[in-house]
Amino acid sequence: MTANRDQAIWAAAQGKPFDLAAADAKTTPLPKIKTNYRPSHKNGTTKYLYGAEALASFTTSGVQNQPLCLRKRIPQPGQPSPNHLRQ
């Protein structure tokens, strides 16, 4: 599928059409990956936590946790924040 995306990008850059859905339909399904991870109390949960919920789950002694960057604060591509417009 990566090769399909590469070909689609090059075709778009050259102004040529490329049927991505047709190219993807010709690919084989990805194999199921076996894992040795077993959820348990020792290993913790697989639930992804955001922001304050993630910070509340940390256990530290005498250290204040402050997020460097929260995923929900990152602007989407093509939608710059006002900070990006400063010169």
PDB file of N, CA and C in Angstrom:
ATOM      1  N   MET A   1       0.807  -1.193   0.000  1.00  0.00           N
ATOM      2  CA  MET A   1       0.000   0.000   0.000  1.00  0.00           C
ATOM      3  C   MET A   1       0.857   1.266   0.000  1.00  0.00           C
ATOM      4  N   THR A   2       2.034   1.183   0.595  1.00  0.00           N
ATOM      5  CA  THR A   2       2.921   2.342   0.585  1.00  0.00           C
ATOM      6  C   THR A   2       3.329   2.669  -0.844  1.00  0.00           C
ATOM      7  N   ALA A   3       3.602   1.645  -1.631  1.00  0.00           N
ATOM      8  CA  ALA A   3       3.962   1.869  -3.033  1.00  0.00           C
ATOM      9  C   ALA A   3       2.802   2.518  -3.785  1.00  0.00           C
ATOM     10  N   ASN A   4       1.575   2.117  -3.460  1.00  0.00           N
ATOM     11  CA  ASN A   4       0.408   2.738  -4.093  1.00  0.00           C
ATOM     12  C   ASN A   4       0.325   4.222  -3.759  1.00  0.00           C
ATOM     13  N   ARG A   5       0.574   4.566  -2.498  1.00  0.00           N
ATOM     14  CA  ARG A   5       0.521   5.980  -2.093  1.00  0.00           C
ATOM     15  C   ARG A   5       1.620   6.779  -2.795  1.00  0.00           C
ATOM     16  N   ASP A   6       2.795   6.172  -2.914  1.00  0.00           N
ATOM     17  CA  ASP A   6       3.906   6.836  -3.590  1.00  0.00           C
ATOM     18  C   ASP A   6       3.553   7.104  -5.054  1.00  0.00           C
ATOM     19  N   GLN A   7       2.995   6.104  -5.715  1.00  0.00           N
ATOM     20  CA  GLN A   7       2.603   6.272  -7.111  1.00  0.00           C
ATOM     21  C   GLN A   7       1.494   7.319  -7.250  1.00  0.00           C
ATOM     22  N   ALA A   8       0.562   7.337  -6.309  1.00  0.00           N
ATOM     23  CA  ALA A   8      -0.526   8.322  -6.350  1.00  0.00           C
ATOM     24  C   ALA A   8       0.010   9.739  -6.179  1.00  0.00           C
ATOM     25  N   ILE A   9       0.974   9.914  -5.296  1.00  0.00           N
ATOM     26  CA  ILE A   9       1.565  11.236  -5.074  1.00  0.00           C
ATOM     27  C   ILE A   9       2.300  11.711  -6.321  1.00  0.00           C
ATOM     28  N   TRP A  10       3.097  10.803  -6.921  1.00  0.00           N
ATOM     29  CA  TRP A  10       3.831  11.187  -8.135  1.00  0.00           C
ATOM     30  C   TRP A  10       2.875  11.499  -9.280  1.00  0.00           C
ATOM     31  N   ALA A  11       1.802  10.722  -9.403  1.00  0.00           N
ATOM     32  CA  ALA A  11       0.827  10.980 -10.464  1.00  0.00           C
ATOM     33  C   ALA A  11       0.150  12.336 -10.247  1.00  0.00           C
ATOM     34  N   ALA A  12      -0.210  12.635  -9.008  1.00  0.00           N
ATOM     35  CA  ALA A  12      -0.845  13.918  -8.699  1.00  0.00           C
ATOM     36  C   ALA A  12       0.109  15.074  -8.979  1.00  0.00           C
ATOM     37  N   ALA A  13       1.381  14.900  -8.651  1.00  0.00           N
ATOM     38  CA  ALA A  13       2.377  15.957  -8.884  1.00  0.00           C
ATOM     39  C   ALA A  13       2.558  16.240 -10.379  1.00  0.00           C
ATOM     40  N   GLN A  14       2.337  15.212 -11.187  1.00  0.00           N
ATOM     41  CA  GLN A  14       2.483  15.369 -12.638  1.00  0.00           C
ATOM     42  C   GLN A  14       1.150  15.656 -13.323  1.00  0.00           C
ATOM     43  N   GLY A  15       0.084  15.811 -12.521  1.00  0.00           N
ATOM     44  CA  GLY A  15      -1.228  16.116 -13.078  1.00  0.00           C
ATOM     45  C   GLY A  15      -1.896  14.928 -13.759  1.00  0.00           C
ATOM     46  N   LYS A  16      -1.462  13.715 -13.448  1.00  0.00           N
ATOM     47  CA  LYS A  16      -2.021  12.514 -14.062  1.00  0.00           C
ATOM     48  C   LYS A  16      -3.034  11.865 -13.110  1.00  0.00           C
ATOM     49  N   PRO A  17      -4.038  11.204 -13.653  1.00  0.00           N
ATOM     50  CA  PRO A  17      -5.008  10.518 -12.782  1.00  0.00           C
ATOM     51  C   PRO A  17      -4.412   9.222 -12.225  1.00  0.00           C
ATOM     52  N   PHE A  18      -4.884   8.826 -11.056  1.00  0.00           N
ATOM     53  CA  PHE A  18      -4.460   7.568 -10.452  1.00  0.00           C
ATOM     54  C   PHE A  18      -5.617   7.044  -9.615  1.00  0.00           C
ATOM     55  N   ASP A  19      -6.076   5.841  -9.905  1.00  0.00           N
ATOM     56  CA  ASP A  19      -7.193   5.244  -9.181  1.00  0.00           C
ATOM     57  C   ASP A  19      -6.647   4.490  -7.973  1.00  0.00           C
ATOM     58  N   LEU A  20      -6.608   5.174  -6.852  1.00  0.00           N
ATOM     59  CA  LEU A  20      -6.046   4.603  -5.629  1.00  0.00           C
ATOM     60  C   LEU A  20      -6.893   3.435  -5.120  1.00  0.00           C
ATOM     61  N   ALA A  21      -8.211   3.546  -5.205  1.00  0.00           N
ATOM     62  CA  ALA A  21      -9.082   2.471  -4.734  1.00  0.00           C
ATOM     63  C   ALA A  21      -8.846   1.192  -5.538  1.00  0.00           C
ATOM     64  N   ALA A  22      -8.676   1.319  -6.852  1.00  0.00           N
ATOM     65  CA  ALA A  22      -8.420   0.145  -7.691  1.00  0.00           C
ATOM     66  C   ALA A  22      -7.060  -0.466  -7.359  1.00  0.00           C
ATOM     67  N   ALA A  23      -6.064   0.376  -7.116  1.00  0.00           N
ATOM     68  CA  ALA A  23      -4.732  -0.119  -6.768  1.00  0.00           C
ATOM     69  C   ALA A  23      -4.761  -0.828  -5.413  1.00  0.00           C
ATOM     70  N   ASP A  24      -5.486  -0.258  -4.447  1.00  0.00           N
ATOM     71  CA  ASP A  24      -5.588  -0.876  -3.120  1.00  0.00           C
ATOM     72  C   ASP A  24      -6.338  -2.201  -3.171  1.00  0.00           C
ATOM     73  N   ALA A  25      -7.318  -2.312  -4.061  1.00  0.00           N
ATOM     74  CA  ALA A  25      -8.099  -3.553  -4.177  1.00  0.00           C
ATOM     75  C   ALA A  25      -7.232  -4.723  -4.636  1.00  0.00           C
ATOM     76  N   LYS A  26      -6.115  -4.444  -5.291  1.00  0.00           N
ATOM     77  CA  LYS A  26      -5.223  -5.497  -5.782  1.00  0.00           C
ATOM     78  C   LYS A  26      -4.231  -5.981  -4.723  1.00  0.00           C
ATOM     79  N   THR A  27      -4.193  -5.329  -3.573  1.00  0.00           N
ATOM     80  CA  THR A  27      -3.247  -5.727  -2.529  1.00  0.00           C
ATOM     81  C   THR A  27      -3.816  -6.890  -1.721  1.00  0.00           C
ATOM     82  N   THR A  28      -2.934  -7.638  -1.096  1.00  0.00           N
ATOM     83  CA  THR A  28      -3.366  -8.752  -0.256  1.00  0.00           C
ATOM     84  C   THR A  28      -3.626  -8.258   1.163  1.00  0.00           C
ATOM     85  N   PRO A  29      -4.501  -8.921   1.904  1.00  0.00           N
ATOM     86  CA  PRO A  29      -4.735  -8.512   3.293  1.00  0.00           C
ATOM     87  C   PRO A  29      -3.466  -8.684   4.126  1.00  0.00           C
ATOM     88  N   LEU A  30      -3.298  -7.822   5.099  1.00  0.00           N
ATOM     89  CA  LEU A  30      -2.140  -7.919   5.979  1.00  0.00           C
ATOM     90  C   LEU A  30      -2.301  -9.120   6.901  1.00  0.00           C
ATOM     91  N   PRO A  31      -1.217  -9.841   7.180  1.00  0.00           N
ATOM     92  CA  PRO A  31      -1.316 -10.998   8.076  1.00  0.00           C
ATOM     93  C   PRO A  31      -1.537 -10.553   9.516  1.00  0.00           C
ATOM     94  N   LYS A  32      -2.208 -11.385  10.283  1.00  0.00           N
ATOM     95  CA  LYS A  32      -2.407 -11.099  11.694  1.00  0.00           C
ATOM     96  C   LYS A  32      -1.068 -11.289  12.416  1.00  0.00           C
ATOM     97  N   ILE A  33      -0.707 -10.339  13.257  1.00  0.00           N
ATOM     98  CA  ILE A  33       0.560 -10.377  13.976  1.00  0.00           C
ATOM     99  C   ILE A  33       0.328 -10.978  15.364  1.00  0.00           C
ATOM    100  N   LYS A  34       1.091 -12.007  15.688  1.00  0.00           N
ATOM    101  CA  LYS A  34       1.013 -12.584  17.027  1.00  0.00           C
ATOM    102  C   LYS A  34       1.805 -11.703  17.984  1.00  0.00           C
ATOM    103  N   THR A  35       1.320 -11.585  19.182  1.00  0.00           N
ATOM    104  CA  THR A  35       2.005 -10.794  20.188  1.00  0.00           C
ATOM    105  C   THR A  35       2.226 -11.634  21.439  1.00  0.00           C
ATOM    106  N   ASN A  36       3.251 -11.290  22.173  1.00  0.00           N
ATOM    107  CA  ASN A  36       3.481 -11.967  23.440  1.00  0.00           C
ATOM    108  C   ASN A  36       2.957 -11.127  24.602  1.00  0.00           C
ATOM    109  N   TYR A  37       2.317 -10.005  24.307  1.00  0.00           N
ATOM    110  CA  TYR A  37       1.760  -9.151  25.357  1.00  0.00           C
ATOM    111  C   TYR A  37       0.488  -9.771  25.913  1.00  0.00           C
ATOM    112  N   ARG A  38       0.420  -9.885  27.211  1.00  0.00           N
ATOM    113  CA  ARG A  38      -0.754 -10.406  27.883  1.00  0.00           C
ATOM    114  C   ARG A  38      -1.204  -9.358  28.900  1.00  0.00           C
ATOM    115  N   PRO A  39      -2.390  -8.773  28.693  1.00  0.00           N
ATOM    116  CA  PRO A  39      -2.870  -7.787  29.664  1.00  0.00           C
ATOM    117  C   PRO A  39      -2.977  -8.398  31.062  1.00  0.00           C
ATOM    118  N   SER A  40      -2.493  -7.678  32.043  1.00  0.00           N
ATOM    119  CA  SER A  40      -2.578  -8.130  33.435  1.00  0.00           C
ATOM    120  C   SER A  40      -2.442  -6.905  34.338  1.00  0.00           C
ATOM    121  N   HIS A  41      -2.624  -7.119  35.611  1.00  0.00           N
ATOM    122  CA  HIS A  41      -2.459  -6.018  36.563  1.00  0.00           C
ATOM    123  C   HIS A  41      -1.028  -5.482  36.522  1.00  0.00           C
ATOM    124  N   LYS A  42      -0.065  -6.372  36.378  1.00  0.00           N
ATOM    125  CA  LYS A  42       1.342  -5.982  36.329  1.00  0.00           C
ATOM    126  C   LYS A  42       1.655  -5.159  35.082  1.00  0.00           C
ATOM    127  N   ASN A  43       1.100  -5.554  33.925  1.00  0.00           N
ATOM    128  CA  ASN A  43       1.389  -4.870  32.658  1.00  0.00           C
ATOM    129  C   ASN A  43       0.533  -3.636  32.435  1.00  0.00           C
ATOM    130  N   GLY A  44      -0.545  -3.494  33.165  1.00  0.00           N
ATOM    131  CA  GLY A  44      -1.411  -2.340  32.998  1.00  0.00           C
ATOM    132  C   GLY A  44      -2.420  -2.542  31.887  1.00  0.00           C
ATOM    133  N   THR A  45      -3.131  -1.490  31.575  1.00  0.00           N
ATOM    134  CA  THR A  45      -4.199  -1.548  30.592  1.00  0.00           C
ATOM    135  C   THR A  45      -3.712  -1.068  29.228  1.00  0.00           C
ATOM    136  N   THR A  46      -4.430  -1.412  28.186  1.00  0.00           N
ATOM    137  CA  THR A  46      -4.084  -0.947  26.845  1.00  0.00           C
ATOM    138  C   THR A  46      -4.876   0.311  26.473  1.00  0.00           C
ATOM    139  N   LYS A  47      -5.680   0.833  27.387  1.00  0.00           N
ATOM    140  CA  LYS A  47      -6.471   2.034  27.121  1.00  0.00           C
ATOM    141  C   LYS A  47      -5.555   3.258  27.035  1.00  0.00           C
ATOM    142  N   TYR A  48      -5.707   4.051  25.961  1.00  0.00           N
ATOM    143  CA  TYR A  48      -4.911   5.263  25.794  1.00  0.00           C
ATOM    144  C   TYR A  48      -5.565   6.394  26.568  1.00  0.00           C
ATOM    145  N   LEU A  49      -4.797   7.068  27.409  1.00  0.00           N
ATOM    146  CA  LEU A  49      -5.317   8.168  28.223  1.00  0.00           C
ATOM    147  C   LEU A  49      -4.863   9.507  27.653  1.00  0.00           C
ATOM    148  N   TYR A  50      -5.741  10.507  27.735  1.00  0.00           N
ATOM    149  CA  TYR A  50      -5.440  11.859  27.253  1.00  0.00           C
ATOM    150  C   TYR A  50      -5.299  12.825  28.423  1.00  0.00           C
ATOM    151  N   GLY A  51      -4.464  13.836  28.244  1.00  0.00           N
ATOM    152  CA  GLY A  51      -4.362  14.997  29.117  1.00  0.00           C
ATOM    153  C   GLY A  51      -4.392  14.735  30.601  1.00  0.00           C
ATOM    154  N   ALA A  52      -5.369  15.372  31.267  1.00  0.00           N
ATOM    155  CA  ALA A  52      -5.464  15.319  32.722  1.00  0.00           C
ATOM    156  C   ALA A  52      -5.674  13.889  33.214  1.00  0.00           C
ATOM    157  N   GLU A  53      -6.412  13.099  32.439  1.00  0.00           N
ATOM    158  CA  GLU A  53      -6.640  11.701  32.822  1.00  0.00           C
ATOM    159  C   GLU A  53      -5.317  10.927  32.844  1.00  0.00           C
ATOM    160  N   ALA A  54      -4.449  11.198  31.868  1.00  0.00           N
ATOM    161  CA  ALA A  54      -3.138  10.539  31.827  1.00  0.00           C
ATOM    162  C   ALA A  54      -2.267  11.006  32.997  1.00  0.00           C
ATOM    163  N   LEU A  55      -2.268  12.314  33.256  1.00  0.00           N
ATOM    164  CA  LEU A  55      -1.458  12.844  34.355  1.00  0.00           C
ATOM    165  C   LEU A  55      -1.917  12.293  35.698  1.00  0.00           C
ATOM    166  N   ALA A  56      -3.230  12.130  35.860  1.00  0.00           N
ATOM    167  CA  ALA A  56      -3.757  11.617  37.121  1.00  0.00           C
ATOM    168  C   ALA A  56      -3.352  10.156  37.341  1.00  0.00           C
ATOM    169  N   SER A  57      -3.041   9.446  36.286  1.00  0.00           N
ATOM    170  CA  SER A  57      -2.675   8.035  36.420  1.00  0.00           C
ATOM    171  C   SER A  57      -1.203   7.837  36.813  1.00  0.00           C
ATOM    172  N   PHE A  58      -0.383   8.891  36.731  1.00  0.00           N
ATOM    173  CA  PHE A  58       1.029   8.783  37.093  1.00  0.00           C
ATOM    174  C   PHE A  58       1.181   8.739  38.605  1.00  0.00           C
ATOM    175  N   THR A  59       2.144   7.968  39.048  1.00  0.00           N
ATOM    176  CA  THR A  59       2.484   7.980  40.469  1.00  0.00           C
ATOM    177  C   THR A  59       3.951   8.397  40.589  1.00  0.00           C
ATOM    178  N   THR A  60       4.175   9.550  41.183  1.00  0.00           N
ATOM    179  CA  THR A  60       5.529  10.067  41.371  1.00  0.00           C
ATOM    180  C   THR A  60       5.659  10.566  42.802  1.00  0.00           C
ATOM    181  N   SER A  61       6.869  10.679  43.285  1.00  0.00           N
ATOM    182  CA  SER A  61       7.049  11.204  44.633  1.00  0.00           C
ATOM    183  C   SER A  61       7.854  12.490  44.559  1.00  0.00           C
ATOM    184  N   GLY A  62       7.211  13.599  44.926  1.00  0.00           N
ATOM    185  CA  GLY A  62       7.887  14.884  44.989  1.00  0.00           C
ATOM    186  C   GLY A  62       8.169  15.528  43.645  1.00  0.00           C
ATOM    187  N   VAL A  63       7.562  15.045  42.569  1.00  0.00           N
ATOM    188  CA  VAL A  63       7.785  15.607  41.247  1.00  0.00           C
ATOM    189  C   VAL A  63       6.452  16.082  40.693  1.00  0.00           C
ATOM    190  N   GLN A  64       6.448  17.291  40.137  1.00  0.00           N
ATOM    191  CA  GLN A  64       5.221  17.802  39.532  1.00  0.00           C
ATOM    192  C   GLN A  64       5.215  17.438  38.053  1.00  0.00           C
ATOM    193  N   ASN A  65       4.144  16.829  37.592  1.00  0.00           N
ATOM    194  CA  ASN A  65       4.020  16.433  36.191  1.00  0.00           C
ATOM    195  C   ASN A  65       3.325  17.520  35.394  1.00  0.00           C
ATOM    196  N   GLN A  66       3.975  18.002  34.346  1.00  0.00           N
ATOM    197  CA  GLN A  66       3.363  18.956  33.439  1.00  0.00           C
ATOM    198  C   GLN A  66       3.534  18.431  32.026  1.00  0.00           C
ATOM    199  N   PRO A  67       2.446  18.384  31.254  1.00  0.00           N
ATOM    200  CA  PRO A  67       2.566  17.854  29.892  1.00  0.00           C
ATOM    201  C   PRO A  67       3.376  18.787  29.004  1.00  0.00           C
ATOM    202  N   LEU A  68       4.286  18.209  28.246  1.00  0.00           N
ATOM    203  CA  LEU A  68       5.050  18.991  27.280  1.00  0.00           C
ATOM    204  C   LEU A  68       4.160  19.357  26.104  1.00  0.00           C
ATOM    205  N   CYS A  69       3.381  18.403  25.660  1.00  0.00           N
ATOM    206  CA  CYS A  69       2.492  18.640  24.528  1.00  0.00           C
ATOM    207  C   CYS A  69       1.338  17.652  24.616  1.00  0.00           C
ATOM    208  N   LEU A  70       0.130  18.161  24.561  1.00  0.00           N
ATOM    209  CA  LEU A  70      -1.033  17.293  24.547  1.00  0.00           C
ATOM    210  C   LEU A  70      -1.488  17.100  23.113  1.00  0.00           C
ATOM    211  N   ARG A  71      -1.806  15.884  22.756  1.00  0.00           N
ATOM    212  CA  ARG A  71      -2.184  15.540  21.387  1.00  0.00           C
ATOM    213  C   ARG A  71      -3.358  16.375  20.881  1.00  0.00           C
ATOM    214  N   LYS A  72      -4.311  16.669  21.748  1.00  0.00           N
ATOM    215  CA  LYS A  72      -5.493  17.410  21.318  1.00  0.00           C
ATOM    216  C   LYS A  72      -5.187  18.874  21.031  1.00  0.00           C
ATOM    217  N   ARG A  73      -4.036  19.376  21.466  1.00  0.00           N
ATOM    218  CA  ARG A  73      -3.676  20.772  21.229  1.00  0.00           C
ATOM    219  C   ARG A  73      -2.934  20.984  19.908  1.00  0.00           C
ATOM    220  N   ILE A  74      -2.494  19.900  19.288  1.00  0.00           N
ATOM    221  CA  ILE A  74      -1.713  20.019  18.062  1.00  0.00           C
ATOM    222  C   ILE A  74      -2.645  20.405  16.915  1.00  0.00           C
ATOM    223  N   PRO A  75      -2.355  21.493  16.179  1.00  0.00           N
ATOM    224  CA  PRO A  75      -3.238  21.877  15.081  1.00  0.00           C
ATOM    225  C   PRO A  75      -3.181  20.862  13.942  1.00  0.00           C
ATOM    226  N   GLN A  76      -4.277  20.753  13.233  1.00  0.00           N
ATOM    227  CA  GLN A  76      -4.339  19.853  12.095  1.00  0.00           C
ATOM    228  C   GLN A  76      -3.569  20.475  10.927  1.00  0.00           C
ATOM    229  N   PRO A  77      -2.985  19.648  10.058  1.00  0.00           N
ATOM    230  CA  PRO A  77      -2.295  20.189   8.877  1.00  0.00           C
ATOM    231  C   PRO A  77      -3.254  21.045   8.057  1.00  0.00           C
ATOM    232  N   GLY A  78      -2.779  22.163   7.599  1.00  0.00           N
ATOM    233  CA  GLY A  78      -3.616  23.060   6.799  1.00  0.00           C
ATOM    234  C   GLY A  78      -4.450  23.995   7.638  1.00  0.00           C
ATOM    235  N   GLN A  79      -4.368  23.875   8.966  1.00  0.00           N
ATOM    236  CA  GLN A  79      -5.098  24.757   9.867  1.00  0.00           C
ATOM    237  C   GLN A  79      -4.112  25.319  10.889  1.00  0.00           C
ATOM    238  N   PRO A  80      -3.251  26.240  10.468  1.00  0.00           N
ATOM    239  CA  PRO A  80      -2.229  26.741  11.391  1.00  0.00           C
ATOM    240  C   PRO A  80      -2.848  27.518  12.547  1.00  0.00           C
ATOM    241  N   SER A  81      -2.206  27.436  13.684  1.00  0.00           N
ATOM    242  CA  SER A  81      -2.662  28.212  14.834  1.00  0.00           C
ATOM    243  C   SER A  81      -2.135  29.641  14.673  1.00  0.00           C
ATOM    244  N   PRO A  82      -2.698  30.595  15.425  1.00  0.00           N
ATOM    245  CA  PRO A  82      -2.220  31.984  15.325  1.00  0.00           C
ATOM    246  C   PRO A  82      -0.724  32.130  15.610  1.00  0.00           C
ATOM    247  N   ASN A  83      -0.141  31.247  16.422  1.00  0.00           N
ATOM    248  CA  ASN A  83       1.290  31.325  16.731  1.00  0.00           C
ATOM    249  C   ASN A  83       2.139  31.104  15.492  1.00  0.00           C
ATOM    250  N   HIS A  84       1.645  30.332  14.522  1.00  0.00           N
ATOM    251  CA  HIS A  84       2.397  30.058  13.312  1.00  0.00           C
ATOM    252  C   HIS A  84       2.396  31.271  12.363  1.00  0.00           C
ATOM    253  N   LEU A  85       1.488  32.215  12.602  1.00  0.00           N
ATOM    254  CA  LEU A  85       1.365  33.365  11.699  1.00  0.00           C
ATOM    255  C   LEU A  85       2.264  34.531  12.109  1.00  0.00           C
ATOM    256  N   ARG A  86       2.807  34.465  13.315  1.00  0.00           N
ATOM    257  CA  ARG A  86       3.679  35.560  13.774  1.00  0.00           C
ATOM    258  C   ARG A  86       4.992  35.562  13.018  1.00  0.00           C
ATOM    259  N   GLN A  87       5.523  36.748  12.819  1.00  0.00           N
ATOM    260  CA  GLN A  87       6.820  36.851  12.128  1.00  0.00           C
ATOM    261  C   GLN A  87       7.812  37.618  12.945  1.00  0.00           C
TER     262      GLN A  87
END
